[in-house]
Amino acid sequence: MLHTLSTSPWHADLHTLCRMLKAGDEVVMLSDGVLAALNGNPFLELLADAPISLYVLKEDLDARGLSGQISSAVVRVDYTDFVRLAVKHPGQLAW
């Protein structure tokens, strides 16, 4: 399943998101959701403990000036990669 986090992690229910995650799921952080990918962030620690792949939309990082503050545990993707992930997963949950 593909999960998209587009709201600030301070306004999203990440504990519920983490309970919904299963091995092989993928999470893409976009819009204000990119804040969850910041180094030293407790939300990133929650997500990193799950058996999933984490991605962040590069364009949204650049728009917020956060490119240099993102954890190396998160893979940066562009819109083309995001579309590939969406096609790969028949199910999607938006957070």
Protein backbone atom coordinates (compact mmCIF):
# COMPACT_ATOMS: atom_id res chain seq x y z
CA MET A 1 0.00 0.00 0.00
CA LEU A 2 1.13 3.54 -0.70
CA HIS A 3 0.63 6.06 2.08
CA THR A 4 0.94 9.78 1.35
CA LEU A 5 1.56 12.22 4.17
CA SER A 6 0.71 15.72 3.02
CA THR A 7 -0.06 17.44 6.31
CA SER A 8 2.37 18.56 8.96
CA PRO A 9 3.25 15.66 11.26
CA TRP A 10 2.11 17.85 14.17
CA HIS A 11 -1.40 17.86 12.63
CA ALA A 12 -1.54 14.23 11.48
CA ASP A 13 -2.23 11.09 13.49
CA LEU A 14 1.12 9.40 12.85
CA HIS A 15 0.53 6.83 15.56
CA THR A 16 -2.51 5.57 13.65
CA LEU A 17 -0.57 5.73 10.39
CA CYS A 18 2.17 3.56 11.93
CA ARG A 19 -0.40 1.03 13.17
CA MET A 20 -1.75 0.75 9.62
CA LEU A 21 1.67 0.09 8.05
CA LYS A 22 2.57 -3.40 6.89
CA ALA A 23 5.84 -4.82 5.60
CA GLY A 24 6.44 -3.64 2.05
CA ASP A 25 4.31 -0.51 2.33
CA GLU A 26 5.76 2.78 1.14
CA VAL A 27 5.25 6.29 2.50
CA VAL A 28 5.69 9.44 0.42
CA MET A 29 5.94 12.72 2.32
CA LEU A 30 4.82 15.73 0.30
CA SER A 31 3.54 19.26 0.88
CA ASP A 32 3.83 19.98 4.63
CA GLY A 33 4.36 16.27 5.25
CA VAL A 34 8.02 16.76 4.29
CA LEU A 35 8.53 18.13 7.82
CA ALA A 36 8.35 14.53 9.07
CA ALA A 37 11.59 13.80 7.19
CA LEU A 38 13.70 16.34 9.11
CA ASN A 39 16.79 15.02 10.91
CA GLY A 40 16.27 14.43 14.65
CA ASN A 41 12.50 14.50 14.32
CA PRO A 42 10.52 12.16 16.64
CA PHE A 43 8.01 11.52 13.84
CA LEU A 44 10.78 10.25 11.58
CA GLU A 45 11.90 7.87 14.33
CA LEU A 46 8.36 6.43 14.45
CA LEU A 47 8.29 5.89 10.70
CA ALA A 48 11.87 4.60 10.47
CA ASP A 49 11.08 1.80 12.94
CA ALA A 50 8.47 0.34 10.57
CA PRO A 51 9.39 -2.23 7.85
CA ILE A 52 8.63 0.24 5.05
CA SER A 53 10.33 2.49 2.52
CA LEU A 54 10.27 6.25 3.10
CA TYR A 55 10.26 8.83 0.34
CA VAL A 56 10.08 12.61 0.24
CA LEU A 57 9.08 14.74 -2.73
CA LYS A 58 12.12 16.75 -3.77
CA GLU A 59 10.14 19.64 -5.24
CA ASP A 60 8.33 20.23 -1.94
CA LEU A 61 11.63 20.10 -0.04
CA ASP A 62 13.13 22.68 -2.36
CA ALA A 63 10.05 24.92 -2.10
CA ARG A 64 10.44 24.97 1.69
CA GLY A 65 14.24 25.33 1.69
CA LEU A 66 14.68 22.09 3.64
CA SER A 67 16.90 20.06 1.31
CA GLY A 68 19.92 20.21 3.62
CA GLN A 69 17.99 19.14 6.72
CA ILE A 70 16.50 15.85 5.54
CA SER A 71 17.55 12.49 6.98
CA SER A 72 19.59 10.15 4.80
CA ALA A 73 17.09 7.40 5.76
CA VAL A 74 14.57 9.03 3.41
CA VAL A 75 14.83 8.70 -0.37
CA ARG A 76 14.22 11.86 -2.40
CA VAL A 77 11.90 11.40 -5.37
CA ASP A 78 10.57 13.63 -8.11
CA TYR A 79 7.06 13.70 -9.58
CA THR A 80 7.87 10.95 -12.10
CA ASP A 81 9.00 8.64 -9.28
CA PHE A 82 5.87 9.52 -7.31
CA VAL A 83 3.69 8.48 -10.25
CA ARG A 84 5.63 5.20 -10.53
CA LEU A 85 4.96 4.50 -6.85
CA ALA A 86 1.26 5.29 -7.31
CA VAL A 87 1.03 2.91 -10.27
CA LYS A 88 2.91 0.20 -8.35
CA HIS A 89 0.39 0.21 -5.49
CA PRO A 90 -3.27 -0.42 -6.29
CA GLY A 91 -4.26 0.90 -2.85
CA GLN A 92 -3.44 4.30 -1.38
CA LEU A 93 -4.16 6.05 1.90
CA ALA A 94 -3.78 9.81 2.20
CA TRP A 95 -2.88 11.30 5.58
